[in-house]
Amino acid sequence: MTAVTPRSRLQGHRMNFCIVASQFNPNYVQSLVNAATNELRSIMPGSFVHLVQVPGAFEIPLAVKKTIQDKTPNAVIAIGVVIEGETDHARLISEATTFWLQQISLDTSVPIIHCVLSVKNEQQAEARCAEQSEINRGVEAARAAVAMARLFEPNSARS
């Protein structure tokens, strides 16, 4: 079961979204970027989507922080795919990336959607990233970004 909320087209809203994506595991990452971008443009027509590419997942938090400073986005989507290997390297990268993404979001009050997938193998990556998969995680990330950006809008009704 998926946590994706149904999408509805939001007319009249223009927001600024940034996607910071790793260039490592490019086939999987590009599929996530494409899905997230297409979903953002579908839900929020007219919104700006800025893409920043970095070498790997470890570089994502620094680029997210700089992007928030320079672009003042309504929300940021961090995208990467870390595939487990024989050493602890993937776990260390995933943990550090997760920690710093959350810390930056808390420090800046800008929603950062964590779409840096940590998977055990290529099959898991394919199931979560392929454009023909049941649910591409890029779609989920875009929907979460819109939901959080709307929650943080200056004129939004907050509970």
C-alpha atoms as a PDB file:
ATOM      1  CA  MET A   1       0.000   0.000   0.000  1.00  0.00           C
ATOM      2  CA  THR A   2       1.258   3.461  -0.824  1.00  0.00           C
ATOM      3  CA  ALA A   3       0.977   6.728   1.065  1.00  0.00           C
ATOM      4  CA  VAL A   4       0.528   8.795  -2.084  1.00  0.00           C
ATOM      5  CA  THR A   5      -2.435  11.109  -1.883  1.00  0.00           C
ATOM      6  CA  PRO A   6      -4.599  11.523  -4.964  1.00  0.00           C
ATOM      7  CA  ARG A   7      -3.516  14.430  -7.060  1.00  0.00           C
ATOM      8  CA  SER A   8      -5.667  17.347  -7.944  1.00  0.00           C
ATOM      9  CA  ARG A   9      -4.725  20.150 -10.262  1.00  0.00           C
ATOM     10  CA  LEU A  10      -4.209  23.416  -8.384  1.00  0.00           C
ATOM     11  CA  GLN A  11      -5.093  26.320 -10.620  1.00  0.00           C
ATOM     12  CA  GLY A  12      -3.790  29.795  -9.875  1.00  0.00           C
ATOM     13  CA  HIS A  13      -0.955  28.624  -7.627  1.00  0.00           C
ATOM     14  CA  ARG A  14       2.580  29.317  -8.742  1.00  0.00           C
ATOM     15  CA  MET A  15       5.349  28.019  -6.603  1.00  0.00           C
ATOM     16  CA  ASN A  16       9.079  27.588  -6.807  1.00  0.00           C
ATOM     17  CA  PHE A  17      10.324  24.012  -6.463  1.00  0.00           C
ATOM     18  CA  CYS A  18      13.910  22.815  -6.565  1.00  0.00           C
ATOM     19  CA  ILE A  19      15.096  19.304  -7.249  1.00  0.00           C
ATOM     20  CA  VAL A  20      18.610  18.443  -6.127  1.00  0.00           C
ATOM     21  CA  ALA A  21      19.643  15.175  -7.747  1.00  0.00           C
ATOM     22  CA  SER A  22      22.643  12.920  -7.623  1.00  0.00           C
ATOM     23  CA  GLN A  23      24.337  11.959 -10.883  1.00  0.00           C
ATOM     24  CA  PHE A  24      25.301   8.583  -9.454  1.00  0.00           C
ATOM     25  CA  ASN A  25      23.120   5.668 -10.647  1.00  0.00           C
ATOM     26  CA  PRO A  26      21.946   7.954 -13.462  1.00  0.00           C
ATOM     27  CA  ASN A  27      19.273   5.739 -15.038  1.00  0.00           C
ATOM     28  CA  TYR A  28      17.378   5.380 -11.768  1.00  0.00           C
ATOM     29  CA  VAL A  29      17.877   8.964 -10.652  1.00  0.00           C
ATOM     30  CA  GLN A  30      16.850  10.423 -14.010  1.00  0.00           C
ATOM     31  CA  SER A  31      13.634   8.400 -13.923  1.00  0.00           C
ATOM     32  CA  LEU A  32      12.847   9.817 -10.473  1.00  0.00           C
ATOM     33  CA  VAL A  33      13.670  13.351 -11.627  1.00  0.00           C
ATOM     34  CA  ASN A  34      11.468  12.979 -14.714  1.00  0.00           C
ATOM     35  CA  ALA A  35       8.565  11.600 -12.697  1.00  0.00           C
ATOM     36  CA  ALA A  36       8.850  14.316 -10.021  1.00  0.00           C
ATOM     37  CA  THR A  37       9.129  17.110 -12.592  1.00  0.00           C
ATOM     38  CA  ASN A  38       6.188  15.846 -14.637  1.00  0.00           C
ATOM     39  CA  GLU A  39       4.040  15.445 -11.538  1.00  0.00           C
ATOM     40  CA  LEU A  40       4.904  18.939 -10.251  1.00  0.00           C
ATOM     41  CA  ARG A  41       4.048  20.465 -13.622  1.00  0.00           C
ATOM     42  CA  SER A  42       0.810  18.490 -13.741  1.00  0.00           C
ATOM     43  CA  ILE A  43      -0.339  19.407 -10.219  1.00  0.00           C
ATOM     44  CA  MET A  44       1.000  22.976 -10.189  1.00  0.00           C
ATOM     45  CA  PRO A  45       0.910  24.300 -13.760  1.00  0.00           C
ATOM     46  CA  GLY A  46       2.980  27.428 -14.141  1.00  0.00           C
ATOM     47  CA  SER A  47       5.208  26.665 -11.189  1.00  0.00           C
ATOM     48  CA  PHE A  48       8.961  26.886 -11.611  1.00  0.00           C
ATOM     49  CA  VAL A  49      11.019  23.696 -11.256  1.00  0.00           C
ATOM     50  CA  HIS A  50      14.770  24.245 -10.921  1.00  0.00           C
ATOM     51  CA  LEU A  51      17.136  21.250 -11.204  1.00  0.00           C
ATOM     52  CA  VAL A  52      20.542  21.108  -9.531  1.00  0.00           C
ATOM     53  CA  GLN A  53      22.739  18.085 -10.197  1.00  0.00           C
ATOM     54  CA  VAL A  54      25.528  16.945  -7.895  1.00  0.00           C
ATOM     55  CA  PRO A  55      28.028  14.074  -8.219  1.00  0.00           C
ATOM     56  CA  GLY A  56      26.588  11.791  -5.538  1.00  0.00           C
ATOM     57  CA  ALA A  57      24.166  11.478  -2.651  1.00  0.00           C
ATOM     58  CA  PHE A  58      26.701  12.763  -0.121  1.00  0.00           C
ATOM     59  CA  GLU A  59      26.798  16.124  -1.917  1.00  0.00           C
ATOM     60  CA  ILE A  60      23.016  16.564  -1.888  1.00  0.00           C
ATOM     61  CA  PRO A  61      22.658  18.258   1.549  1.00  0.00           C
ATOM     62  CA  LEU A  62      25.204  20.992   0.802  1.00  0.00           C
ATOM     63  CA  ALA A  63      23.598  21.692  -2.576  1.00  0.00           C
ATOM     64  CA  VAL A  64      20.157  21.763  -0.926  1.00  0.00           C
ATOM     65  CA  LYS A  65      21.382  24.300   1.620  1.00  0.00           C
ATOM     66  CA  LYS A  66      22.915  26.521  -1.088  1.00  0.00           C
ATOM     67  CA  THR A  67      19.805  26.189  -3.260  1.00  0.00           C
ATOM     68  CA  ILE A  68      17.573  27.292  -0.385  1.00  0.00           C
ATOM     69  CA  GLN A  69      19.808  30.329   0.167  1.00  0.00           C
ATOM     70  CA  ASP A  70      19.934  31.287  -3.517  1.00  0.00           C
ATOM     71  CA  LYS A  71      16.514  30.314  -4.884  1.00  0.00           C
ATOM     72  CA  THR A  72      14.187  30.590  -1.849  1.00  0.00           C
ATOM     73  CA  PRO A  73      12.051  27.636  -2.960  1.00  0.00           C
ATOM     74  CA  ASN A  74       8.679  26.683  -1.502  1.00  0.00           C
ATOM     75  CA  ALA A  75       9.998  23.120  -1.226  1.00  0.00           C
ATOM     76  CA  VAL A  76      13.014  21.067  -2.252  1.00  0.00           C
ATOM     77  CA  ILE A  77      13.063  17.463  -3.424  1.00  0.00           C
ATOM     78  CA  ALA A  78      16.332  15.619  -2.786  1.00  0.00           C
ATOM     79  CA  ILE A  79      16.728  12.713  -5.211  1.00  0.00           C
ATOM     80  CA  GLY A  80      19.312   9.967  -5.292  1.00  0.00           C
ATOM     81  CA  VAL A  81      19.700   6.206  -5.319  1.00  0.00           C
ATOM     82  CA  VAL A  82      22.182   4.467  -3.024  1.00  0.00           C
ATOM     83  CA  ILE A  83      22.598   0.754  -3.712  1.00  0.00           C
ATOM     84  CA  GLU A  84      24.039  -1.391  -0.937  1.00  0.00           C
ATOM     85  CA  GLY A  85      27.396  -2.994  -1.608  1.00  0.00           C
ATOM     86  CA  GLU A  86      29.742  -5.246   0.317  1.00  0.00           C
ATOM     87  CA  THR A  87      30.951  -2.523   2.704  1.00  0.00           C
ATOM     88  CA  ASP A  88      29.222  -0.052   5.038  1.00  0.00           C
ATOM     89  CA  HIS A  89      29.734   2.815   2.602  1.00  0.00           C
ATOM     90  CA  ALA A  90      26.104   2.906   1.376  1.00  0.00           C
ATOM     91  CA  ARG A  91      24.748   2.866   4.932  1.00  0.00           C
ATOM     92  CA  LEU A  92      27.072   5.680   5.996  1.00  0.00           C
ATOM     93  CA  ILE A  93      26.139   7.809   2.974  1.00  0.00           C
ATOM     94  CA  SER A  94      22.416   7.194   3.517  1.00  0.00           C
ATOM     95  CA  GLU A  95      22.544   7.993   7.239  1.00  0.00           C
ATOM     96  CA  ALA A  96      24.573  11.177   6.773  1.00  0.00           C
ATOM     97  CA  THR A  97      22.387  12.382   3.925  1.00  0.00           C
ATOM     98  CA  THR A  98      19.204  11.736   5.887  1.00  0.00           C
ATOM     99  CA  PHE A  99      20.502  13.469   9.006  1.00  0.00           C
ATOM    100  CA  TRP A 100      21.647  16.600   7.188  1.00  0.00           C
ATOM    101  CA  LEU A 101      18.558  16.908   5.013  1.00  0.00           C
ATOM    102  CA  GLN A 102      16.386  16.895   8.114  1.00  0.00           C
ATOM    103  CA  GLN A 103      18.697  19.309   9.919  1.00  0.00           C
ATOM    104  CA  ILE A 104      18.687  21.771   7.019  1.00  0.00           C
ATOM    105  CA  SER A 105      14.910  21.602   6.795  1.00  0.00           C
ATOM    106  CA  LEU A 106      14.543  22.253  10.518  1.00  0.00           C
ATOM    107  CA  ASP A 107      17.086  25.091  10.432  1.00  0.00           C
ATOM    108  CA  THR A 108      15.529  26.851   7.417  1.00  0.00           C
ATOM    109  CA  SER A 109      11.839  25.915   7.804  1.00  0.00           C
ATOM    110  CA  VAL A 110      11.836  24.944   4.132  1.00  0.00           C
ATOM    111  CA  PRO A 111      10.253  21.563   3.401  1.00  0.00           C
ATOM    112  CA  ILE A 112      12.794  19.097   2.038  1.00  0.00           C
ATOM    113  CA  ILE A 113      11.347  15.920   0.620  1.00  0.00           C
ATOM    114  CA  HIS A 114      13.673  12.973   1.113  1.00  0.00           C
ATOM    115  CA  CYS A 115      13.737  10.896  -2.051  1.00  0.00           C
ATOM    116  CA  VAL A 116      17.253   9.560  -1.633  1.00  0.00           C
ATOM    117  CA  LEU A 117      16.460   5.892  -1.883  1.00  0.00           C
ATOM    118  CA  SER A 118      18.596   3.342  -0.104  1.00  0.00           C
ATOM    119  CA  VAL A 119      18.091  -0.069  -1.680  1.00  0.00           C
ATOM    120  CA  LYS A 120      19.666  -3.477  -1.349  1.00  0.00           C
ATOM    121  CA  ASN A 121      19.996  -4.255  -5.058  1.00  0.00           C
ATOM    122  CA  GLU A 122      19.199  -3.283  -8.638  1.00  0.00           C
ATOM    123  CA  GLN A 123      15.825  -5.050  -8.517  1.00  0.00           C
ATOM    124  CA  GLN A 124      14.671  -2.861  -5.625  1.00  0.00           C
ATOM    125  CA  ALA A 125      15.933   0.225  -7.441  1.00  0.00           C
ATOM    126  CA  GLU A 126      14.041  -0.772 -10.581  1.00  0.00           C
ATOM    127  CA  ALA A 127      10.818  -1.391  -8.637  1.00  0.00           C
ATOM    128  CA  ARG A 128      10.948   2.086  -7.068  1.00  0.00           C
ATOM    129  CA  CYS A 129      12.366   4.114  -9.933  1.00  0.00           C
ATOM    130  CA  ALA A 130      11.275   2.694 -13.261  1.00  0.00           C
ATOM    131  CA  GLU A 131       8.837   4.814 -15.189  1.00  0.00           C
ATOM    132  CA  GLN A 132       6.642   1.771 -15.718  1.00  0.00           C
ATOM    133  CA  SER A 133       6.743   0.724 -12.047  1.00  0.00           C
ATOM    134  CA  GLU A 134       3.514   0.657 -10.043  1.00  0.00           C
ATOM    135  CA  ILE A 135       4.524   3.808  -8.205  1.00  0.00           C
ATOM    136  CA  ASN A 136       7.590   5.761  -9.082  1.00  0.00           C
ATOM    137  CA  ARG A 137       8.922   7.348  -5.891  1.00  0.00           C
ATOM    138  CA  GLY A 138       9.499  10.595  -7.789  1.00  0.00           C
ATOM    139  CA  VAL A 139       5.722  10.947  -8.124  1.00  0.00           C
ATOM    140  CA  GLU A 140       5.306  10.465  -4.376  1.00  0.00           C
ATOM    141  CA  ALA A 141       8.035  13.027  -3.692  1.00  0.00           C
ATOM    142  CA  ALA A 142       6.382  15.626  -5.932  1.00  0.00           C
ATOM    143  CA  ARG A 143       3.023  15.166  -4.235  1.00  0.00           C
ATOM    144  CA  ALA A 144       4.635  15.469  -0.814  1.00  0.00           C
ATOM    145  CA  ALA A 145       6.479  18.627  -1.928  1.00  0.00           C
ATOM    146  CA  VAL A 146       3.235  20.246  -3.049  1.00  0.00           C
ATOM    147  CA  ALA A 147       1.453  19.266   0.161  1.00  0.00           C
ATOM    148  CA  MET A 148       4.234  20.645   2.353  1.00  0.00           C
ATOM    149  CA  ALA A 149       4.684  23.806   0.282  1.00  0.00           C
ATOM    150  CA  ARG A 150       0.978  24.530   0.579  1.00  0.00           C
ATOM    151  CA  LEU A 151       1.127  23.916   4.330  1.00  0.00           C
ATOM    152  CA  PHE A 152       3.910  26.497   4.620  1.00  0.00           C
ATOM    153  CA  GLU A 153       2.298  29.112   2.370  1.00  0.00           C
ATOM    154  CA  PRO A 154       2.032  32.447   4.216  1.00  0.00           C
ATOM    155  CA  ASN A 155      -1.759  32.601   3.782  1.00  0.00           C
ATOM    156  CA  SER A 156      -2.510  28.932   4.397  1.00  0.00           C
ATOM    157  CA  ALA A 157      -4.965  27.945   7.093  1.00  0.00           C
ATOM    158  CA  ARG A 158      -2.986  25.991   9.650  1.00  0.00           C
ATOM    159  CA  SER A 159      -4.544  23.789  12.267  1.00  0.00           C
END
